[in-house]
Amino acid sequence: MEQIKVLYVNNEGGGFADVIEVDKGTDVGGFFKTQMEGSDAAGYVIRVNKDITPRDRVLQDGDSITITPAKIGGSR
């Protein structure tokens, strides 16, 4: 299957970014499941190219993906 490259910014890991290859046609929900195995997507905000995005959005080559907790520890 053809691969595309996306930039994954992992804020839980200290804000480091990695270029990751994924299958062409991968959607945001599938990407989340792969990268955040065992986590509930409802507890996170997912942005693609700085915009909050639905889980069914298909990723494109060169997209930047940021996954952050919806509730930051210590906030009320």
PDB file of N, CA and C in Angstrom:
ATOM      1  N   MET A   1       0.847  -1.182   0.000  1.00  0.00           N
ATOM      2  CA  MET A   1       0.000   0.000   0.000  1.00  0.00           C
ATOM      3  C   MET A   1       0.893   1.246   0.000  1.00  0.00           C
ATOM      4  N   GLU A   2       0.430   2.267  -0.685  1.00  0.00           N
ATOM      5  CA  GLU A   2       1.173   3.520  -0.756  1.00  0.00           C
ATOM      6  C   GLU A   2       1.190   4.210   0.605  1.00  0.00           C
ATOM      7  N   GLN A   3       2.311   4.827   0.926  1.00  0.00           N
ATOM      8  CA  GLN A   3       2.493   5.516   2.206  1.00  0.00           C
ATOM      9  C   GLN A   3       2.544   7.030   1.992  1.00  0.00           C
ATOM     10  N   ILE A   4       2.128   7.765   3.028  1.00  0.00           N
ATOM     11  CA  ILE A   4       2.294   9.212   3.059  1.00  0.00           C
ATOM     12  C   ILE A   4       3.045   9.552   4.339  1.00  0.00           C
ATOM     13  N   LYS A   5       3.611  10.751   4.403  1.00  0.00           N
ATOM     14  CA  LYS A   5       4.323  11.198   5.599  1.00  0.00           C
ATOM     15  C   LYS A   5       3.532  12.317   6.264  1.00  0.00           C
ATOM     16  N   VAL A   6       3.387  12.196   7.595  1.00  0.00           N
ATOM     17  CA  VAL A   6       2.732  13.232   8.384  1.00  0.00           C
ATOM     18  C   VAL A   6       3.657  13.604   9.540  1.00  0.00           C
ATOM     19  N   LEU A   7       3.519  14.816  10.039  1.00  0.00           N
ATOM     20  CA  LEU A   7       4.287  15.274  11.186  1.00  0.00           C
ATOM     21  C   LEU A   7       3.408  15.123  12.417  1.00  0.00           C
ATOM     22  N   TYR A   8       3.837  14.310  13.362  1.00  0.00           N
ATOM     23  CA  TYR A   8       3.072  14.045  14.581  1.00  0.00           C
ATOM     24  C   TYR A   8       3.725  14.770  15.747  1.00  0.00           C
ATOM     25  N   VAL A   9       3.007  15.743  16.309  1.00  0.00           N
ATOM     26  CA  VAL A   9       3.476  16.484  17.470  1.00  0.00           C
ATOM     27  C   VAL A   9       2.854  15.843  18.697  1.00  0.00           C
ATOM     28  N   ASN A  10       3.683  15.239  19.526  1.00  0.00           N
ATOM     29  CA  ASN A  10       3.219  14.512  20.702  1.00  0.00           C
ATOM     30  C   ASN A  10       3.393  15.385  21.934  1.00  0.00           C
ATOM     31  N   ASN A  11       2.333  16.117  22.311  1.00  0.00           N
ATOM     32  CA  ASN A  11       2.433  17.011  23.460  1.00  0.00           C
ATOM     33  C   ASN A  11       2.555  16.264  24.776  1.00  0.00           C
ATOM     34  N   GLU A  12       2.040  15.048  24.855  1.00  0.00           N
ATOM     35  CA  GLU A  12       2.200  14.278  26.090  1.00  0.00           C
ATOM     36  C   GLU A  12       3.646  13.853  26.281  1.00  0.00           C
ATOM     37  N   GLY A  13       4.367  13.781  25.202  1.00  0.00           N
ATOM     38  CA  GLY A  13       5.769  13.379  25.278  1.00  0.00           C
ATOM     39  C   GLY A  13       6.714  14.561  25.341  1.00  0.00           C
ATOM     40  N   GLY A  14       6.216  15.716  25.723  1.00  0.00           N
ATOM     41  CA  GLY A  14       7.070  16.883  25.878  1.00  0.00           C
ATOM     42  C   GLY A  14       7.111  17.774  24.654  1.00  0.00           C
ATOM     43  N   GLY A  15       6.204  17.565  23.712  1.00  0.00           N
ATOM     44  CA  GLY A  15       6.128  18.425  22.544  1.00  0.00           C
ATOM     45  C   GLY A  15       7.064  18.046  21.415  1.00  0.00           C
ATOM     46  N   PHE A  16       7.606  16.848  21.460  1.00  0.00           N
ATOM     47  CA  PHE A  16       8.492  16.414  20.385  1.00  0.00           C
ATOM     48  C   PHE A  16       7.684  16.097  19.130  1.00  0.00           C
ATOM     49  N   ALA A  17       8.287  16.300  17.975  1.00  0.00           N
ATOM     50  CA  ALA A  17       7.619  16.024  16.710  1.00  0.00           C
ATOM     51  C   ALA A  17       8.408  14.967  15.941  1.00  0.00           C
ATOM     52  N   ASP A  18       7.668  14.070  15.304  1.00  0.00           N
ATOM     53  CA  ASP A  18       8.273  13.017  14.499  1.00  0.00           C
ATOM     54  C   ASP A  18       7.552  12.933  13.167  1.00  0.00           C
ATOM     55  N   VAL A  19       8.306  12.684  12.109  1.00  0.00           N
ATOM     56  CA  VAL A  19       7.697  12.385  10.817  1.00  0.00           C
ATOM     57  C   VAL A  19       7.372  10.896  10.830  1.00  0.00           C
ATOM     58  N   ILE A  20       6.113  10.577  10.553  1.00  0.00           N
ATOM     59  CA  ILE A  20       5.635   9.197  10.602  1.00  0.00           C
ATOM     60  C   ILE A  20       5.031   8.844   9.249  1.00  0.00           C
ATOM     61  N   GLU A  21       5.313   7.645   8.769  1.00  0.00           N
ATOM     62  CA  GLU A  21       4.692   7.155   7.539  1.00  0.00           C
ATOM     63  C   GLU A  21       3.448   6.362   7.898  1.00  0.00           C
ATOM     64  N   VAL A  22       2.347   6.677   7.212  1.00  0.00           N
ATOM     65  CA  VAL A  22       1.083   5.964   7.406  1.00  0.00           C
ATOM     66  C   VAL A  22       0.540   5.564   6.043  1.00  0.00           C
ATOM     67  N   ASP A  23      -0.360   4.602   6.035  1.00  0.00           N
ATOM     68  CA  ASP A  23      -0.983   4.186   4.783  1.00  0.00           C
ATOM     69  C   ASP A  23      -1.829   5.315   4.210  1.00  0.00           C
ATOM     70  N   LYS A  24      -1.725   5.523   2.908  1.00  0.00           N
ATOM     71  CA  LYS A  24      -2.583   6.491   2.238  1.00  0.00           C
ATOM     72  C   LYS A  24      -4.028   6.078   2.496  1.00  0.00           C
ATOM     73  N   GLY A  25      -4.889   7.034   2.850  1.00  0.00           N
ATOM     74  CA  GLY A  25      -6.281   6.740   3.160  1.00  0.00           C
ATOM     75  C   GLY A  25      -6.555   6.624   4.653  1.00  0.00           C
ATOM     76  N   THR A  26      -5.494   6.700   5.482  1.00  0.00           N
ATOM     77  CA  THR A  26      -5.669   6.646   6.934  1.00  0.00           C
ATOM     78  C   THR A  26      -6.435   7.875   7.399  1.00  0.00           C
ATOM     79  N   ASP A  27      -7.449   7.654   8.248  1.00  0.00           N
ATOM     80  CA  ASP A  27      -8.177   8.799   8.791  1.00  0.00           C
ATOM     81  C   ASP A  27      -7.643   9.143  10.183  1.00  0.00           C
ATOM     82  N   VAL A  28      -8.096  10.283  10.696  1.00  0.00           N
ATOM     83  CA  VAL A  28      -7.628  10.777  11.986  1.00  0.00           C
ATOM     84  C   VAL A  28      -7.912   9.765  13.098  1.00  0.00           C
ATOM     85  N   GLY A  29      -9.095   9.154  13.083  1.00  0.00           N
ATOM     86  CA  GLY A  29      -9.447   8.166  14.099  1.00  0.00           C
ATOM     87  C   GLY A  29      -8.511   6.969  14.087  1.00  0.00           C
ATOM     88  N   GLY A  30      -8.178   6.479  12.911  1.00  0.00           N
ATOM     89  CA  GLY A  30      -7.255   5.357  12.788  1.00  0.00           C
ATOM     90  C   GLY A  30      -5.858   5.723  13.250  1.00  0.00           C
ATOM     91  N   PHE A  31      -5.431   6.931  12.914  1.00  0.00           N
ATOM     92  CA  PHE A  31      -4.124   7.409  13.362  1.00  0.00           C
ATOM     93  C   PHE A  31      -4.087   7.468  14.885  1.00  0.00           C
ATOM     94  N   PHE A  32      -5.151   8.008  15.496  1.00  0.00           N
ATOM     95  CA  PHE A  32      -5.216   8.096  16.957  1.00  0.00           C
ATOM     96  C   PHE A  32      -5.103   6.712  17.587  1.00  0.00           C
ATOM     97  N   LYS A  33      -5.863   5.756  17.075  1.00  0.00           N
ATOM     98  CA  LYS A  33      -5.842   4.399  17.639  1.00  0.00           C
ATOM     99  C   LYS A  33      -4.442   3.791  17.591  1.00  0.00           C
ATOM    100  N   THR A  34      -3.730   4.041  16.503  1.00  0.00           N
ATOM    101  CA  THR A  34      -2.383   3.498  16.346  1.00  0.00           C
ATOM    102  C   THR A  34      -1.385   4.166  17.293  1.00  0.00           C
ATOM    103  N   GLN A  35      -1.448   5.491  17.384  1.00  0.00           N
ATOM    104  CA  GLN A  35      -0.463   6.229  18.173  1.00  0.00           C
ATOM    105  C   GLN A  35      -0.773   6.257  19.667  1.00  0.00           C
ATOM    106  N   MET A  36      -2.053   6.189  20.023  1.00  0.00           N
ATOM    107  CA  MET A  36      -2.471   6.344  21.422  1.00  0.00           C
ATOM    108  C   MET A  36      -3.197   5.087  21.888  1.00  0.00           C
ATOM    109  N   GLU A  37      -2.650   3.947  21.553  1.00  0.00           N
ATOM    110  CA  GLU A  37      -3.264   2.657  21.840  1.00  0.00           C
ATOM    111  C   GLU A  37      -3.760   2.578  23.286  1.00  0.00           C
ATOM    112  N   GLY A  38      -5.028   2.195  23.434  1.00  0.00           N
ATOM    113  CA  GLY A  38      -5.630   2.040  24.750  1.00  0.00           C
ATOM    114  C   GLY A  38      -6.216   3.315  25.327  1.00  0.00           C
ATOM    115  N   SER A  39      -6.036   4.450  24.654  1.00  0.00           N
ATOM    116  CA  SER A  39      -6.585   5.720  25.134  1.00  0.00           C
ATOM    117  C   SER A  39      -7.943   5.981  24.502  1.00  0.00           C
ATOM    118  N   ASP A  40      -8.789   6.703  25.221  1.00  0.00           N
ATOM    119  CA  ASP A  40     -10.117   7.068  24.734  1.00  0.00           C
ATOM    120  C   ASP A  40     -10.025   8.403  24.003  1.00  0.00           C
ATOM    121  N   ALA A  41     -10.364   8.421  22.730  1.00  0.00           N
ATOM    122  CA  ALA A  41     -10.266   9.630  21.915  1.00  0.00           C
ATOM    123  C   ALA A  41     -11.100  10.777  22.470  1.00  0.00           C
ATOM    124  N   ALA A  42     -12.158  10.463  23.222  1.00  0.00           N
ATOM    125  CA  ALA A  42     -13.017  11.510  23.788  1.00  0.00           C
ATOM    126  C   ALA A  42     -12.250  12.387  24.779  1.00  0.00           C
ATOM    127  N   GLY A  43     -11.149  11.895  25.312  1.00  0.00           N
ATOM    128  CA  GLY A  43     -10.361  12.654  26.276  1.00  0.00           C
ATOM    129  C   GLY A  43      -9.277  13.519  25.651  1.00  0.00           C
ATOM    130  N   TYR A  44      -9.278  13.627  24.326  1.00  0.00           N
ATOM    131  CA  TYR A  44      -8.220  14.353  23.625  1.00  0.00           C
ATOM    132  C   TYR A  44      -8.791  15.293  22.573  1.00  0.00           C
ATOM    133  N   VAL A  45      -8.042  16.348  22.303  1.00  0.00           N
ATOM    134  CA  VAL A  45      -8.336  17.249  21.191  1.00  0.00           C
ATOM    135  C   VAL A  45      -7.320  16.925  20.099  1.00  0.00           C
ATOM    136  N   ILE A  46      -7.823  16.669  18.904  1.00  0.00           N
ATOM    137  CA  ILE A  46      -6.949  16.335  17.779  1.00  0.00           C
ATOM    138  C   ILE A  46      -7.030  17.465  16.761  1.00  0.00           C
ATOM    139  N   ARG A  47      -5.865  17.984  16.412  1.00  0.00           N
ATOM    140  CA  ARG A  47      -5.798  19.053  15.411  1.00  0.00           C
ATOM    141  C   ARG A  47      -4.972  18.569  14.222  1.00  0.00           C
ATOM    142  N   VAL A  48      -5.430  18.926  13.047  1.00  0.00           N
ATOM    143  CA  VAL A  48      -4.664  18.689  11.824  1.00  0.00           C
ATOM    144  C   VAL A  48      -4.410  20.055  11.211  1.00  0.00           C
ATOM    145  N   ASN A  49      -3.145  20.371  11.019  1.00  0.00           N
ATOM    146  CA  ASN A  49      -2.745  21.678  10.487  1.00  0.00           C
ATOM    147  C   ASN A  49      -3.343  22.812  11.321  1.00  0.00           C
ATOM    148  N   LYS A  50      -3.316  22.627  12.647  1.00  0.00           N
ATOM    149  CA  LYS A  50      -3.745  23.587  13.672  1.00  0.00           C
ATOM    150  C   LYS A  50      -5.255  23.730  13.818  1.00  0.00           C
ATOM    151  N   ASP A  51      -6.052  23.001  13.039  1.00  0.00           N
ATOM    152  CA  ASP A  51      -7.512  23.075  13.126  1.00  0.00           C
ATOM    153  C   ASP A  51      -8.062  21.826  13.797  1.00  0.00           C
ATOM    154  N   ILE A  52      -8.980  22.005  14.774  1.00  0.00           N
ATOM    155  CA  ILE A  52      -9.659  20.855  15.363  1.00  0.00           C
ATOM    156  C   ILE A  52     -10.389  20.145  14.234  1.00  0.00           C
ATOM    157  N   THR A  53     -10.296  18.836  14.211  1.00  0.00           N
ATOM    158  CA  THR A  53     -10.784  18.092  13.051  1.00  0.00           C
ATOM    159  C   THR A  53     -11.607  16.873  13.453  1.00  0.00           C
ATOM    160  N   PRO A  54     -12.571  16.472  12.612  1.00  0.00           N
ATOM    161  CA  PRO A  54     -13.347  15.261  12.906  1.00  0.00           C
ATOM    162  C   PRO A  54     -12.495  14.006  12.716  1.00  0.00           C
ATOM    163  N   ARG A  55     -12.891  12.947  13.379  1.00  0.00           N
ATOM    164  CA  ARG A  55     -12.134  11.691  13.353  1.00  0.00           C
ATOM    165  C   ARG A  55     -12.130  11.027  11.974  1.00  0.00           C
ATOM    166  N   ASP A  56     -13.109  11.366  11.126  1.00  0.00           N
ATOM    167  CA  ASP A  56     -13.188  10.713   9.818  1.00  0.00           C
ATOM    168  C   ASP A  56     -12.419  11.457   8.718  1.00  0.00           C
ATOM    169  N   ARG A  57     -11.723  12.521   9.067  1.00  0.00           N
ATOM    170  CA  ARG A  57     -10.938  13.262   8.076  1.00  0.00           C
ATOM    171  C   ARG A  57      -9.768  12.394   7.625  1.00  0.00           C
ATOM    172  N   VAL A  58      -9.600  12.267   6.325  1.00  0.00           N
ATOM    173  CA  VAL A  58      -8.501  11.478   5.758  1.00  0.00           C
ATOM    174  C   VAL A  58      -7.240  12.339   5.740  1.00  0.00           C
ATOM    175  N   LEU A  59      -6.167  11.779   6.260  1.00  0.00           N
ATOM    176  CA  LEU A  59      -4.893  12.497   6.306  1.00  0.00           C
ATOM    177  C   LEU A  59      -4.282  12.617   4.915  1.00  0.00           C
ATOM    178  N   GLN A  60      -3.585  13.732   4.702  1.00  0.00           N
ATOM    179  CA  GLN A  60      -2.913  14.003   3.436  1.00  0.00           C
ATOM    180  C   GLN A  60      -1.407  14.094   3.679  1.00  0.00           C
ATOM    181  N   ASP A  61      -0.635  13.800   2.653  1.00  0.00           N
ATOM    182  CA  ASP A  61       0.815  13.887   2.750  1.00  0.00           C
ATOM    183  C   ASP A  61       1.213  15.281   3.224  1.00  0.00           C
ATOM    184  N   GLY A  62       2.048  15.343   4.262  1.00  0.00           N
ATOM    185  CA  GLY A  62       2.529  16.620   4.779  1.00  0.00           C
ATOM    186  C   GLY A  62       1.687  17.222   5.888  1.00  0.00           C
ATOM    187  N   ASP A  63       0.555  16.594   6.238  1.00  0.00           N
ATOM    188  CA  ASP A  63      -0.270  17.110   7.336  1.00  0.00           C
ATOM    189  C   ASP A  63       0.517  17.112   8.638  1.00  0.00           C
ATOM    190  N   SER A  64       0.177  18.049   9.506  1.00  0.00           N
ATOM    191  CA  SER A  64       0.728  18.125  10.854  1.00  0.00           C
ATOM    192  C   SER A  64      -0.386  17.769  11.832  1.00  0.00           C
ATOM    193  N   ILE A  65      -0.155  16.785  12.698  1.00  0.00           N
ATOM    194  CA  ILE A  65      -1.176  16.289  13.618  1.00  0.00           C
ATOM    195  C   ILE A  65      -0.710  16.533  15.049  1.00  0.00           C
ATOM    196  N   THR A  66      -1.584  17.147  15.845  1.00  0.00           N
ATOM    197  CA  THR A  66      -1.305  17.383  17.254  1.00  0.00           C
ATOM    198  C   THR A  66      -2.403  16.739  18.077  1.00  0.00           C
ATOM    199  N   ILE A  67      -2.016  15.944  19.073  1.00  0.00           N
ATOM    200  CA  ILE A  67      -2.972  15.303  19.975  1.00  0.00           C
ATOM    201  C   ILE A  67      -2.661  15.795  21.383  1.00  0.00           C
ATOM    202  N   THR A  68      -3.638  16.475  22.002  1.00  0.00           N
ATOM    203  CA  THR A  68      -3.447  16.994  23.353  1.00  0.00           C
ATOM    204  C   THR A  68      -4.599  16.558  24.244  1.00  0.00           C
ATOM    205  N   PRO A  69      -4.333  16.368  25.543  1.00  0.00           N
ATOM    206  CA  PRO A  69      -5.426  16.026  26.455  1.00  0.00           C
ATOM    207  C   PRO A  69      -6.468  17.140  26.453  1.00  0.00           C
ATOM    208  N   ALA A  70      -7.742  16.757  26.481  1.00  0.00           N
ATOM    209  CA  ALA A  70      -8.820  17.748  26.488  1.00  0.00           C
ATOM    210  C   ALA A  70      -8.819  18.537  27.791  1.00  0.00           C
ATOM    211  N   LYS A  71      -8.416  17.902  28.873  1.00  0.00           N
ATOM    212  CA  LYS A  71      -8.353  18.568  30.173  1.00  0.00           C
ATOM    213  C   LYS A  71      -6.928  18.458  30.676  1.00  0.00           C
ATOM    214  N   ILE A  72      -6.291  19.586  30.805  1.00  0.00           N
ATOM    215  CA  ILE A  72      -4.911  19.622  31.279  1.00  0.00           C
ATOM    216  C   ILE A  72      -4.903  19.439  32.795  1.00  0.00           C
ATOM    217  N   GLY A  73      -4.009  18.616  33.290  1.00  0.00           N
ATOM    218  CA  GLY A  73      -3.915  18.371  34.725  1.00  0.00           C
ATOM    219  C   GLY A  73      -3.778  19.657  35.517  1.00  0.00           C
ATOM    220  N   GLY A  74      -4.541  19.762  36.609  1.00  0.00           N
ATOM    221  CA  GLY A  74      -4.490  20.936  37.460  1.00  0.00           C
ATOM    222  C   GLY A  74      -5.513  21.988  37.112  1.00  0.00           C
ATOM    223  N   SER A  75      -6.136  21.893  35.939  1.00  0.00           N
ATOM    224  CA  SER A  75      -7.170  22.867  35.577  1.00  0.00           C
ATOM    225  C   SER A  75      -8.518  22.379  36.072  1.00  0.00           C
ATOM    226  N   ARG A  76      -9.426  23.311  36.237  1.00  0.00           N
ATOM    227  CA  ARG A  76     -10.752  22.946  36.734  1.00  0.00           C
ATOM    228  C   ARG A  76     -11.816  23.307  35.752  1.00  0.00           C
TER     229      ARG A  76
END
